Amino acid sequence: MNNCLIKKITVLTKEEKTEIIIEKNNYENSKAASIGALKIIQKYRGWVSDHIINEIANIIGITPTELDSIATFYNLIYRKSVGKNIILLCDSITCYINGYEIIYNKLKHELGISMGETTNDKRFTLLPVCCLGNCDKSPNMMINNDIYYNLIKKNITNILELYK
């Protein structure tokens, strides 16, 4: 019974396959559809497993090694399971100078995790990001698609409560 469940999870759905084929057909060179195809899977599953890399590569017409090198190059393509809410904490020099460490330490304390980890309840994953384009309002972070800037330690708890 468990093998059936695992097989079902590790096979692309009809909807995923269709979207990847549509993405592939947007380009003369099918390799150009790689990032879009990876994003499609991540949209549905939250991350991209090794088995799914093989299936995507087969549809696009490139080797799994080529697709894996693309997937691992981009830090916003998740190659391991992540939490429901992704916290991207900017660690650029501007954010670092303006309080990155204070915010990072508060997040570590509140969530009980370090950078690159996911909470036990799978609600949050904390990841570094080089820049969010808000250097004039640093330090800043993004949770899912919401950007928070001019961060101060006392606001972190309230921000996290919005996602629990």
Foldseek 3Di string as FASTA:
>chain_A
DVVVVVVVVLDDDPVLLVQLLVLQVVDPQLVVSLVVSLVSVCVVPVAAELSNLCVSCVSSVHHSVVSVVVQVVDPVHHHDHAAPKEKEWAPEPLQVVVQSVLQQVLCCVVQVDHEQDAGPVRQYHYHYDHDPPPSVFHDWMDIPHDIDGVDDSVCPVVVVVVRD
